[in-house]
Structures are given as C-alpha cells and as structure tokens.
Amino acid sequence: MPDRTMGSAVGAISHNPAKGVFIRTDASHVPEQVERMLADRSASGLLLTAAVALLAAAPAFAEAPSRVRGVVTGANTDSIAVKERDGRIVTLKTGPNTAYAYVIPSSLDAIKVNDFVGAAVKGPLSSMVAVELAIIPENMRAGRISLYGWDPLPDPTVGQPSDTTATSMTNGLVSNVSPARPKLTNTNMTNGIVSAEKGDASGLKLTVTYDGGGKSFRIIVPSNAPIVRYVLADRSAVAIGSAVMIKTNSGDQADLVTVGKGVMPPM
C-alpha cells in the first residue's frame, strides 16, 4: 500500500503504516489537525521539561532536630505536635517503640553514691561544671553512653554579681514587651554512676564512673544548677500544654518523650 502524504508549506509529512512514524516529503500543505497534534506534542514536552526542572530545584524537607523542646499543641494515637521555643511547630511520629517519662523536681541533697546521673556540662574535661543534672532510674539506663556532644543550653549557673551598681530611675508607658532570650552555653552530655561526692556551700563535687567502673570524670554541680529525676511513664503523660523535651530518631520518630511535672524539662 502506498504511503499517504500530507502537504506542508515547508515539506510534506507522510505516514508510513509499517513503521508507525511520520516522514517528511515535499508536498505543500499540512492539514490543520496535524499541525495541532504536533503543537500539542511540543507543548507537552515543554511542560514535562519544566516539571522535571522544578522537582530538581525544590528543596528537601529537613528532618526534625535530634532533640525537640517546647510545648505540646496537639496529640493523637500516632503523633505529637510541639511548638518549639522559636515558634516553629514540629510534628513527630509515635509508635510502640516510643518511651515516655516524667521529669520531676529534685535537689542536690537527693544525689547519692551509686545513683546513675546524666549531666549537661560546660567547660573542658579537666574542670566540667554541670549546667543541669538528672537522676536516672535503673529501668532507663540502657543505651546511655558516657560522654558525647549535646546542644547549647541556657546556663542558670552563672553567678550574679554581688557588688552594688549605680542606677537611674526611668518612668514612662510600656509600648512593647519582648521576652529576654537567655544566653546559651555549649555543653556535653555525661552519663555514669556516682562513686564519690563531696559537698560544700558552693554545691557538690561528684566523681562519676563509666565503662564498667574503669573510667571516671569529675563534675562540679553548683548549688543553683537545676536537679531533676526521671520517672518512667506511659502515653497518658502527654497532654495539650505539656512542656516536653523529646529525643528523636530518623524519620521524625519520637524516641523518648520527657514530660515536665512541676518543672520545665531541662537538658
């Protein structure tokens, strides 16, 4: 069967049924429906190219940080939404492997030899000072290592000057209120068993052992450092408005949800 030829001002386009393709000839006219078909194919190609370019340029969504701190704004059977201190809302997945614990107030006097503690510390290894300290029950010790990098944290242990300072009085109407942001201090996290303690007016000096007792470090715990105790809990501990600190795993998965009970969770 001969090819059927369709004309064009710049050359004919013939359809070869055997090959299923269009080929150019020298006829003088292309029917309007063929021109539309070719134009549609060209437009589709441009749209596909543009879509691929947009996908390539689109930024990937960042995962939640390793630790999320803030207030619970939403909770259901498989997720928790938290408003962080900077106002950002982070939603984390929860599941059967998510653990829960209350954080309750404690004190320097409660720290005893053989307690397992976790302390966020500042300063060099030779003179570590606890910014915050938590007493950890035996059923929550698994998987904790001795010393590793932690987050910048507010430092409540910075002493206030005792000298008097000259002042002036100001009077006027308040036009704006901005909450003061505490200065953050770089910290490390330490975990281990208290093997010795010595107290004085300034606080406690702890010797904390780890690695089966083969290694140790010394920590100064100032009298104004926040001291808390962890108590294992369950999902019912989480409620709207709860202050939390959540350790996360990859995939925005909540690993350990610590809920403040009478205290803002430190760490």
C-alpha atoms as a PDB file:
ATOM      1  CA  MET A   1       0.000   0.000   0.000  1.00  0.00           C
ATOM      2  CA  PRO A   2       1.428   3.396  -0.903  1.00  0.00           C
ATOM      3  CA  ASP A   3       2.176   5.946   1.883  1.00  0.00           C
ATOM      4  CA  ARG A   4      -0.468   8.551   2.471  1.00  0.00           C
ATOM      5  CA  THR A   5       1.057  12.015   2.046  1.00  0.00           C
ATOM      6  CA  MET A   6       0.038  15.223   3.846  1.00  0.00           C
ATOM      7  CA  GLY A   7       1.308  18.522   2.458  1.00  0.00           C
ATOM      8  CA  SER A   8       3.203  21.325   4.181  1.00  0.00           C
ATOM      9  CA  ALA A   9       4.454  24.760   3.242  1.00  0.00           C
ATOM     10  CA  VAL A  10       7.952  23.598   4.205  1.00  0.00           C
ATOM     11  CA  GLY A  11       7.606  19.985   3.083  1.00  0.00           C
ATOM     12  CA  ALA A  12       5.083  17.160   3.299  1.00  0.00           C
ATOM     13  CA  ILE A  13       4.678  14.757   6.210  1.00  0.00           C
ATOM     14  CA  SER A  14       3.882  11.171   5.155  1.00  0.00           C
ATOM     15  CA  HIS A  15       2.686   8.394   7.421  1.00  0.00           C
ATOM     16  CA  ASN A  16       4.328   5.020   6.939  1.00  0.00           C
ATOM     17  CA  PRO A  17       1.947   2.396   8.402  1.00  0.00           C
ATOM     18  CA  ALA A  18       4.679  -0.230   8.538  1.00  0.00           C
ATOM     19  CA  LYS A  19       6.892   1.896  10.751  1.00  0.00           C
ATOM     20  CA  GLY A  20       4.161   3.870  12.525  1.00  0.00           C
ATOM     21  CA  VAL A  21       6.048   7.153  12.044  1.00  0.00           C
ATOM     22  CA  PHE A  22       5.699  10.412  10.156  1.00  0.00           C
ATOM     23  CA  ILE A  23       8.288  11.224   7.483  1.00  0.00           C
ATOM     24  CA  ARG A  24       8.886  14.452   5.592  1.00  0.00           C
ATOM     25  CA  THR A  25       8.148  14.731   1.834  1.00  0.00           C
ATOM     26  CA  ASP A  26       7.893  17.705  -0.422  1.00  0.00           C
ATOM     27  CA  ALA A  27       4.123  18.220  -0.508  1.00  0.00           C
ATOM     28  CA  SER A  28       2.770  21.709   0.031  1.00  0.00           C
ATOM     29  CA  HIS A  29       0.182  21.595   2.808  1.00  0.00           C
ATOM     30  CA  VAL A  30      -0.381  20.068   6.254  1.00  0.00           C
ATOM     31  CA  PRO A  31      -3.967  19.629   7.462  1.00  0.00           C
ATOM     32  CA  GLU A  32      -4.897  21.761  10.461  1.00  0.00           C
ATOM     33  CA  GLN A  33      -5.450  18.762  12.766  1.00  0.00           C
ATOM     34  CA  VAL A  34      -1.898  17.550  12.149  1.00  0.00           C
ATOM     35  CA  GLU A  35      -0.469  20.975  12.975  1.00  0.00           C
ATOM     36  CA  ARG A  36      -2.450  20.936  16.227  1.00  0.00           C
ATOM     37  CA  MET A  37      -1.187  17.464  17.041  1.00  0.00           C
ATOM     38  CA  LEU A  38       2.432  18.488  16.517  1.00  0.00           C
ATOM     39  CA  ALA A  39       1.937  21.663  18.544  1.00  0.00           C
ATOM     40  CA  ASP A  40       0.351  19.675  21.391  1.00  0.00           C
ATOM     41  CA  ARG A  41       3.292  17.262  21.426  1.00  0.00           C
ATOM     42  CA  SER A  42       5.727  20.162  21.577  1.00  0.00           C
ATOM     43  CA  ALA A  43       3.814  21.828  24.430  1.00  0.00           C
ATOM     44  CA  SER A  44       3.686  18.540  26.366  1.00  0.00           C
ATOM     45  CA  GLY A  45       7.427  18.187  26.018  1.00  0.00           C
ATOM     46  CA  LEU A  46       7.983  21.700  27.342  1.00  0.00           C
ATOM     47  CA  LEU A  47       5.682  21.064  30.306  1.00  0.00           C
ATOM     48  CA  LEU A  48       7.472  17.821  31.148  1.00  0.00           C
ATOM     49  CA  THR A  49      10.859  19.554  30.976  1.00  0.00           C
ATOM     50  CA  ALA A  50       9.626  22.358  33.224  1.00  0.00           C
ATOM     51  CA  ALA A  51       8.200  19.897  35.763  1.00  0.00           C
ATOM     52  CA  VAL A  52      11.464  17.979  35.966  1.00  0.00           C
ATOM     53  CA  ALA A  53      13.374  21.237  36.463  1.00  0.00           C
ATOM     54  CA  LEU A  54      11.058  22.295  39.301  1.00  0.00           C
ATOM     55  CA  LEU A  55      11.421  18.950  41.058  1.00  0.00           C
ATOM     56  CA  ALA A  56      15.185  19.146  40.780  1.00  0.00           C
ATOM     57  CA  ALA A  57      15.220  22.671  42.194  1.00  0.00           C
ATOM     58  CA  ALA A  58      12.760  22.051  45.062  1.00  0.00           C
ATOM     59  CA  PRO A  59      14.497  21.899  48.464  1.00  0.00           C
ATOM     60  CA  ALA A  60      14.195  18.702  50.505  1.00  0.00           C
ATOM     61  CA  PHE A  61      12.248  18.985  53.760  1.00  0.00           C
ATOM     62  CA  ALA A  62      14.646  18.868  56.707  1.00  0.00           C
ATOM     63  CA  GLU A  63      14.093  16.302  59.406  1.00  0.00           C
ATOM     64  CA  ALA A  64      13.344  17.307  62.955  1.00  0.00           C
ATOM     65  CA  PRO A  65      16.376  18.045  65.140  1.00  0.00           C
ATOM     66  CA  SER A  66      17.828  15.310  67.377  1.00  0.00           C
ATOM     67  CA  ARG A  67      16.092  16.905  70.349  1.00  0.00           C
ATOM     68  CA  VAL A  68      12.859  18.913  70.285  1.00  0.00           C
ATOM     69  CA  ARG A  69      11.991  21.234  73.178  1.00  0.00           C
ATOM     70  CA  GLY A  70       8.723  23.098  73.637  1.00  0.00           C
ATOM     71  CA  VAL A  71       5.023  22.790  74.480  1.00  0.00           C
ATOM     72  CA  VAL A  72       2.610  20.155  73.148  1.00  0.00           C
ATOM     73  CA  THR A  73       0.000  21.715  70.868  1.00  0.00           C
ATOM     74  CA  GLY A  74      -1.563  18.520  69.536  1.00  0.00           C
ATOM     75  CA  ALA A  75      -1.513  14.776  70.176  1.00  0.00           C
ATOM     76  CA  ASN A  76      -3.248  11.702  68.805  1.00  0.00           C
ATOM     77  CA  THR A  77      -2.598   7.971  68.727  1.00  0.00           C
ATOM     78  CA  ASP A  78       0.330   8.193  66.317  1.00  0.00           C
ATOM     79  CA  SER A  79       1.829  11.691  66.539  1.00  0.00           C
ATOM     80  CA  ILE A  80       2.702  14.622  68.788  1.00  0.00           C
ATOM     81  CA  ALA A  81       2.872  18.276  67.656  1.00  0.00           C
ATOM     82  CA  VAL A  82       5.236  20.541  69.589  1.00  0.00           C
ATOM     83  CA  LYS A  83       5.637  24.314  69.433  1.00  0.00           C
ATOM     84  CA  GLU A  84       9.333  24.975  69.875  1.00  0.00           C
ATOM     85  CA  ARG A  85      10.783  27.956  71.687  1.00  0.00           C
ATOM     86  CA  ASP A  86      11.280  29.802  68.391  1.00  0.00           C
ATOM     87  CA  GLY A  87       7.589  29.354  67.482  1.00  0.00           C
ATOM     88  CA  ARG A  88       8.080  26.592  64.915  1.00  0.00           C
ATOM     89  CA  ILE A  89       5.642  23.667  65.037  1.00  0.00           C
ATOM     90  CA  VAL A  90       7.264  20.224  64.764  1.00  0.00           C
ATOM     91  CA  THR A  91       5.167  17.073  64.336  1.00  0.00           C
ATOM     92  CA  LEU A  92       6.744  13.797  65.425  1.00  0.00           C
ATOM     93  CA  LYS A  93       5.527  10.257  64.843  1.00  0.00           C
ATOM     94  CA  THR A  94       4.937   7.993  67.832  1.00  0.00           C
ATOM     95  CA  GLY A  95       4.611   4.232  67.990  1.00  0.00           C
ATOM     96  CA  PRO A  96       5.148   1.114  70.091  1.00  0.00           C
ATOM     97  CA  ASN A  97       8.865   1.890  70.457  1.00  0.00           C
ATOM     98  CA  THR A  98       8.319   5.417  71.807  1.00  0.00           C
ATOM     99  CA  ALA A  99       9.172   5.676  75.516  1.00  0.00           C
ATOM    100  CA  TYR A 100       7.709   8.199  77.978  1.00  0.00           C
ATOM    101  CA  ALA A 101       8.959   9.616  81.258  1.00  0.00           C
ATOM    102  CA  TYR A 102       8.019  12.312  83.745  1.00  0.00           C
ATOM    103  CA  VAL A 103      10.657  14.806  84.836  1.00  0.00           C
ATOM    104  CA  ILE A 104      10.090  15.810  88.450  1.00  0.00           C
ATOM    105  CA  PRO A 105      11.956  18.292  90.663  1.00  0.00           C
ATOM    106  CA  SER A 106      14.817  17.037  92.818  1.00  0.00           C
ATOM    107  CA  SER A 107      17.734  18.555  94.719  1.00  0.00           C
ATOM    108  CA  LEU A 108      21.443  18.348  95.435  1.00  0.00           C
ATOM    109  CA  ASP A 109      20.692  16.531  98.695  1.00  0.00           C
ATOM    110  CA  ALA A 110      18.991  13.738  96.748  1.00  0.00           C
ATOM    111  CA  ILE A 111      22.169  12.806  94.821  1.00  0.00           C
ATOM    112  CA  LYS A 112      23.783   9.773  96.455  1.00  0.00           C
ATOM    113  CA  VAL A 113      26.643   7.393  95.755  1.00  0.00           C
ATOM    114  CA  ASN A 114      25.562   4.654  93.296  1.00  0.00           C
ATOM    115  CA  ASP A 115      22.975   6.947  91.653  1.00  0.00           C
ATOM    116  CA  PHE A 116      23.104   6.943  87.854  1.00  0.00           C
ATOM    117  CA  VAL A 117      23.155  10.534  86.634  1.00  0.00           C
ATOM    118  CA  GLY A 118      23.119  12.407  83.369  1.00  0.00           C
ATOM    119  CA  ALA A 119      24.544  15.911  83.405  1.00  0.00           C
ATOM    120  CA  ALA A 120      24.798  18.564  80.720  1.00  0.00           C
ATOM    121  CA  VAL A 121      28.202  20.103  81.418  1.00  0.00           C
ATOM    122  CA  LYS A 122      30.198  23.076  80.230  1.00  0.00           C
ATOM    123  CA  GLY A 123      33.930  23.622  80.252  1.00  0.00           C
ATOM    124  CA  PRO A 124      36.911  21.372  79.457  1.00  0.00           C
ATOM    125  CA  LEU A 125      37.094  17.742  80.562  1.00  0.00           C
ATOM    126  CA  SER A 126      39.513  18.694  83.319  1.00  0.00           C
ATOM    127  CA  SER A 127      37.002  21.027  85.017  1.00  0.00           C
ATOM    128  CA  MET A 128      33.446  20.207  83.963  1.00  0.00           C
ATOM    129  CA  VAL A 129      30.602  22.184  85.538  1.00  0.00           C
ATOM    130  CA  ALA A 130      27.027  20.891  85.418  1.00  0.00           C
ATOM    131  CA  VAL A 131      24.523  23.241  83.821  1.00  0.00           C
ATOM    132  CA  GLU A 132      21.751  20.728  84.608  1.00  0.00           C
ATOM    133  CA  LEU A 133      21.657  17.250  86.167  1.00  0.00           C
ATOM    134  CA  ALA A 134      19.134  14.408  86.064  1.00  0.00           C
ATOM    135  CA  ILE A 135      18.970  11.368  88.326  1.00  0.00           C
ATOM    136  CA  ILE A 136      18.076   8.410  86.107  1.00  0.00           C
ATOM    137  CA  PRO A 137      16.322   5.256  87.391  1.00  0.00           C
ATOM    138  CA  GLU A 138      17.757   1.832  86.656  1.00  0.00           C
ATOM    139  CA  ASN A 139      14.984   0.991  84.177  1.00  0.00           C
ATOM    140  CA  MET A 140      16.036   3.941  81.961  1.00  0.00           C
ATOM    141  CA  ARG A 141      19.823   3.478  81.891  1.00  0.00           C
ATOM    142  CA  ALA A 142      20.064   1.163  78.871  1.00  0.00           C
ATOM    143  CA  GLY A 143      21.782   2.600  75.802  1.00  0.00           C
ATOM    144  CA  ARG A 144      23.260   5.644  77.508  1.00  0.00           C
ATOM    145  CA  ILE A 145      26.923   6.303  76.817  1.00  0.00           C
ATOM    146  CA  SER A 146      29.375   8.204  78.956  1.00  0.00           C
ATOM    147  CA  LEU A 147      30.273  11.421  77.139  1.00  0.00           C
ATOM    148  CA  TYR A 148      29.048  12.968  73.894  1.00  0.00           C
ATOM    149  CA  GLY A 149      28.218  16.308  72.339  1.00  0.00           C
ATOM    150  CA  TRP A 150      24.997  17.992  73.390  1.00  0.00           C
ATOM    151  CA  ASP A 151      23.079  21.164  72.498  1.00  0.00           C
ATOM    152  CA  PRO A 152      23.730  24.779  73.512  1.00  0.00           C
ATOM    153  CA  LEU A 153      21.619  25.377  76.629  1.00  0.00           C
ATOM    154  CA  PRO A 154      20.691  28.281  78.904  1.00  0.00           C
ATOM    155  CA  ASP A 155      23.183  28.486  81.767  1.00  0.00           C
ATOM    156  CA  PRO A 156      21.424  29.182  85.085  1.00  0.00           C
ATOM    157  CA  THR A 157      24.648  28.528  86.996  1.00  0.00           C
ATOM    158  CA  VAL A 158      26.202  31.861  86.019  1.00  0.00           C
ATOM    159  CA  GLY A 159      26.559  33.753  89.286  1.00  0.00           C
ATOM    160  CA  GLN A 160      25.001  37.160  89.754  1.00  0.00           C
ATOM    161  CA  PRO A 161      27.377  39.981  90.756  1.00  0.00           C
ATOM    162  CA  SER A 162      27.112  40.882  94.416  1.00  0.00           C
ATOM    163  CA  ASP A 163      28.592  44.368  94.154  1.00  0.00           C
ATOM    164  CA  THR A 164      26.244  47.339  94.200  1.00  0.00           C
ATOM    165  CA  THR A 165      25.839  49.272  90.954  1.00  0.00           C
ATOM    166  CA  ALA A 166      24.874  52.886  90.334  1.00  0.00           C
ATOM    167  CA  THR A 167      21.368  53.154  88.838  1.00  0.00           C
ATOM    168  CA  SER A 168      18.957  55.688  87.342  1.00  0.00           C
ATOM    169  CA  MET A 169      15.153  55.809  87.535  1.00  0.00           C
ATOM    170  CA  THR A 170      13.051  55.801  84.365  1.00  0.00           C
ATOM    171  CA  ASN A 171       9.325  56.476  84.093  1.00  0.00           C
ATOM    172  CA  GLY A 172       7.008  56.072  81.101  1.00  0.00           C
ATOM    173  CA  LEU A 173       4.426  53.938  79.308  1.00  0.00           C
ATOM    174  CA  VAL A 174       5.365  50.451  78.116  1.00  0.00           C
ATOM    175  CA  SER A 175       4.980  50.377  74.339  1.00  0.00           C
ATOM    176  CA  ASN A 176       6.447  46.965  73.589  1.00  0.00           C
ATOM    177  CA  VAL A 177       7.405  43.826  75.505  1.00  0.00           C
ATOM    178  CA  SER A 178       9.931  41.350  74.114  1.00  0.00           C
ATOM    179  CA  PRO A 179      10.866  38.303  76.194  1.00  0.00           C
ATOM    180  CA  ALA A 180      14.540  38.198  77.072  1.00  0.00           C
ATOM    181  CA  ARG A 181      16.347  35.333  75.396  1.00  0.00           C
ATOM    182  CA  PRO A 182      18.801  33.571  77.696  1.00  0.00           C
ATOM    183  CA  LYS A 183      22.391  33.305  76.601  1.00  0.00           C
ATOM    184  CA  LEU A 184      23.206  29.753  75.504  1.00  0.00           C
ATOM    185  CA  THR A 185      26.273  27.792  76.547  1.00  0.00           C
ATOM    186  CA  ASN A 186      27.852  24.947  74.588  1.00  0.00           C
ATOM    187  CA  THR A 187      27.519  21.676  76.510  1.00  0.00           C
ATOM    188  CA  ASN A 188      28.394  17.984  76.514  1.00  0.00           C
ATOM    189  CA  MET A 189      26.301  15.190  77.990  1.00  0.00           C
ATOM    190  CA  THR A 190      27.824  12.921  80.637  1.00  0.00           C
ATOM    191  CA  ASN A 191      26.351   9.690  81.999  1.00  0.00           C
ATOM    192  CA  GLY A 192      27.621   7.434  84.742  1.00  0.00           C
ATOM    193  CA  ILE A 193      27.391   6.192  88.312  1.00  0.00           C
ATOM    194  CA  VAL A 194      28.239   8.476  91.202  1.00  0.00           C
ATOM    195  CA  SER A 195      31.155   6.843  93.018  1.00  0.00           C
ATOM    196  CA  ALA A 196      32.007   9.705  95.380  1.00  0.00           C
ATOM    197  CA  GLU A 197      30.550  13.028  96.433  1.00  0.00           C
ATOM    198  CA  LYS A 198      31.734  15.978  98.459  1.00  0.00           C
ATOM    199  CA  GLY A 199      29.521  18.929  99.281  1.00  0.00           C
ATOM    200  CA  ASP A 200      30.104  22.457 100.478  1.00  0.00           C
ATOM    201  CA  ALA A 201      28.322  25.809 100.326  1.00  0.00           C
ATOM    202  CA  SER A 202      29.025  26.163  96.614  1.00  0.00           C
ATOM    203  CA  GLY A 203      27.484  22.833  95.637  1.00  0.00           C
ATOM    204  CA  LEU A 204      28.657  19.265  95.050  1.00  0.00           C
ATOM    205  CA  LYS A 205      31.801  17.754  93.622  1.00  0.00           C
ATOM    206  CA  LEU A 206      30.993  14.385  92.061  1.00  0.00           C
ATOM    207  CA  THR A 207      33.200  11.590  90.804  1.00  0.00           C
ATOM    208  CA  VAL A 208      31.234   9.773  88.107  1.00  0.00           C
ATOM    209  CA  THR A 209      32.437   6.418  86.771  1.00  0.00           C
ATOM    210  CA  TYR A 210      31.578   4.720  83.495  1.00  0.00           C
ATOM    211  CA  ASP A 211      32.770   1.900  81.232  1.00  0.00           C
ATOM    212  CA  GLY A 212      32.196  -0.656  83.959  1.00  0.00           C
ATOM    213  CA  GLY A 213      33.933   1.483  86.531  1.00  0.00           C
ATOM    214  CA  GLY A 214      37.186   1.576  84.606  1.00  0.00           C
ATOM    215  CA  LYS A 215      36.966   5.272  83.741  1.00  0.00           C
ATOM    216  CA  SER A 216      35.794   8.333  85.587  1.00  0.00           C
ATOM    217  CA  PHE A 217      35.425  12.088  85.401  1.00  0.00           C
ATOM    218  CA  ARG A 218      34.779  14.806  87.943  1.00  0.00           C
ATOM    219  CA  ILE A 219      31.835  17.186  87.796  1.00  0.00           C
ATOM    220  CA  ILE A 220      31.163  20.293  89.853  1.00  0.00           C
ATOM    221  CA  VAL A 221      27.422  20.767  90.443  1.00  0.00           C
ATOM    222  CA  PRO A 222      26.718  24.375  91.540  1.00  0.00           C
ATOM    223  CA  SER A 223      24.037  24.958  94.148  1.00  0.00           C
ATOM    224  CA  ASN A 224      21.846  26.776  91.580  1.00  0.00           C
ATOM    225  CA  ALA A 225      22.014  24.067  88.895  1.00  0.00           C
ATOM    226  CA  PRO A 226      18.576  22.549  88.129  1.00  0.00           C
ATOM    227  CA  ILE A 227      18.320  18.994  89.515  1.00  0.00           C
ATOM    228  CA  VAL A 228      15.554  16.652  88.349  1.00  0.00           C
ATOM    229  CA  ARG A 229      14.654  12.986  88.474  1.00  0.00           C
ATOM    230  CA  TYR A 230      13.247  10.839  85.661  1.00  0.00           C
ATOM    231  CA  VAL A 231      10.257   8.574  86.395  1.00  0.00           C
ATOM    232  CA  LEU A 232       9.166   6.092  83.728  1.00  0.00           C
ATOM    233  CA  ALA A 233       5.630   6.830  82.466  1.00  0.00           C
ATOM    234  CA  ASP A 234       3.332   5.979  79.542  1.00  0.00           C
ATOM    235  CA  ARG A 235       1.465   7.767  76.746  1.00  0.00           C
ATOM    236  CA  SER A 236      -1.097   9.203  79.186  1.00  0.00           C
ATOM    237  CA  ALA A 237       1.636  11.559  80.452  1.00  0.00           C
ATOM    238  CA  VAL A 238       1.293  13.633  77.260  1.00  0.00           C
ATOM    239  CA  ALA A 239      -1.380  16.345  77.229  1.00  0.00           C
ATOM    240  CA  ILE A 240      -2.005  19.600  75.388  1.00  0.00           C
ATOM    241  CA  GLY A 241       0.093  22.271  77.069  1.00  0.00           C
ATOM    242  CA  SER A 242       2.660  19.827  78.467  1.00  0.00           C
ATOM    243  CA  ALA A 243       6.249  21.069  78.489  1.00  0.00           C
ATOM    244  CA  VAL A 244       8.384  18.410  76.820  1.00  0.00           C
ATOM    245  CA  MET A 245      11.850  17.531  75.662  1.00  0.00           C
ATOM    246  CA  ILE A 246      11.769  14.805  73.021  1.00  0.00           C
ATOM    247  CA  LYS A 247      14.701  12.782  71.752  1.00  0.00           C
ATOM    248  CA  THR A 248      14.076  11.858  68.120  1.00  0.00           C
ATOM    249  CA  ASN A 249      15.147   9.168  65.676  1.00  0.00           C
ATOM    250  CA  SER A 250      15.438   9.424  61.896  1.00  0.00           C
ATOM    251  CA  GLY A 251      12.184   9.843  60.017  1.00  0.00           C
ATOM    252  CA  ASP A 252      10.802  12.341  62.578  1.00  0.00           C
ATOM    253  CA  GLN A 253      10.146   9.488  65.001  1.00  0.00           C
ATOM    254  CA  ALA A 254       9.826  10.269  68.714  1.00  0.00           C
ATOM    255  CA  ASP A 255      12.172   8.026  70.690  1.00  0.00           C
ATOM    256  CA  LEU A 256      11.916   9.318  74.275  1.00  0.00           C
ATOM    257  CA  VAL A 257       9.274  11.859  75.335  1.00  0.00           C
ATOM    258  CA  THR A 258      10.090  13.508  78.666  1.00  0.00           C
ATOM    259  CA  VAL A 259       7.228  15.479  80.199  1.00  0.00           C
ATOM    260  CA  GLY A 260       7.696  18.125  82.853  1.00  0.00           C
ATOM    261  CA  LYS A 261       5.708  17.526  86.033  1.00  0.00           C
ATOM    262  CA  GLY A 262       6.074  20.558  88.235  1.00  0.00           C
ATOM    263  CA  VAL A 263       9.199  21.608  86.374  1.00  0.00           C
ATOM    264  CA  MET A 264      10.305  22.550  82.864  1.00  0.00           C
ATOM    265  CA  PRO A 265      12.256  19.588  81.449  1.00  0.00           C
ATOM    266  CA  PRO A 266      15.951  20.507  81.379  1.00  0.00           C
ATOM    267  CA  MET A 267      18.541  19.036  79.031  1.00  0.00           C
END
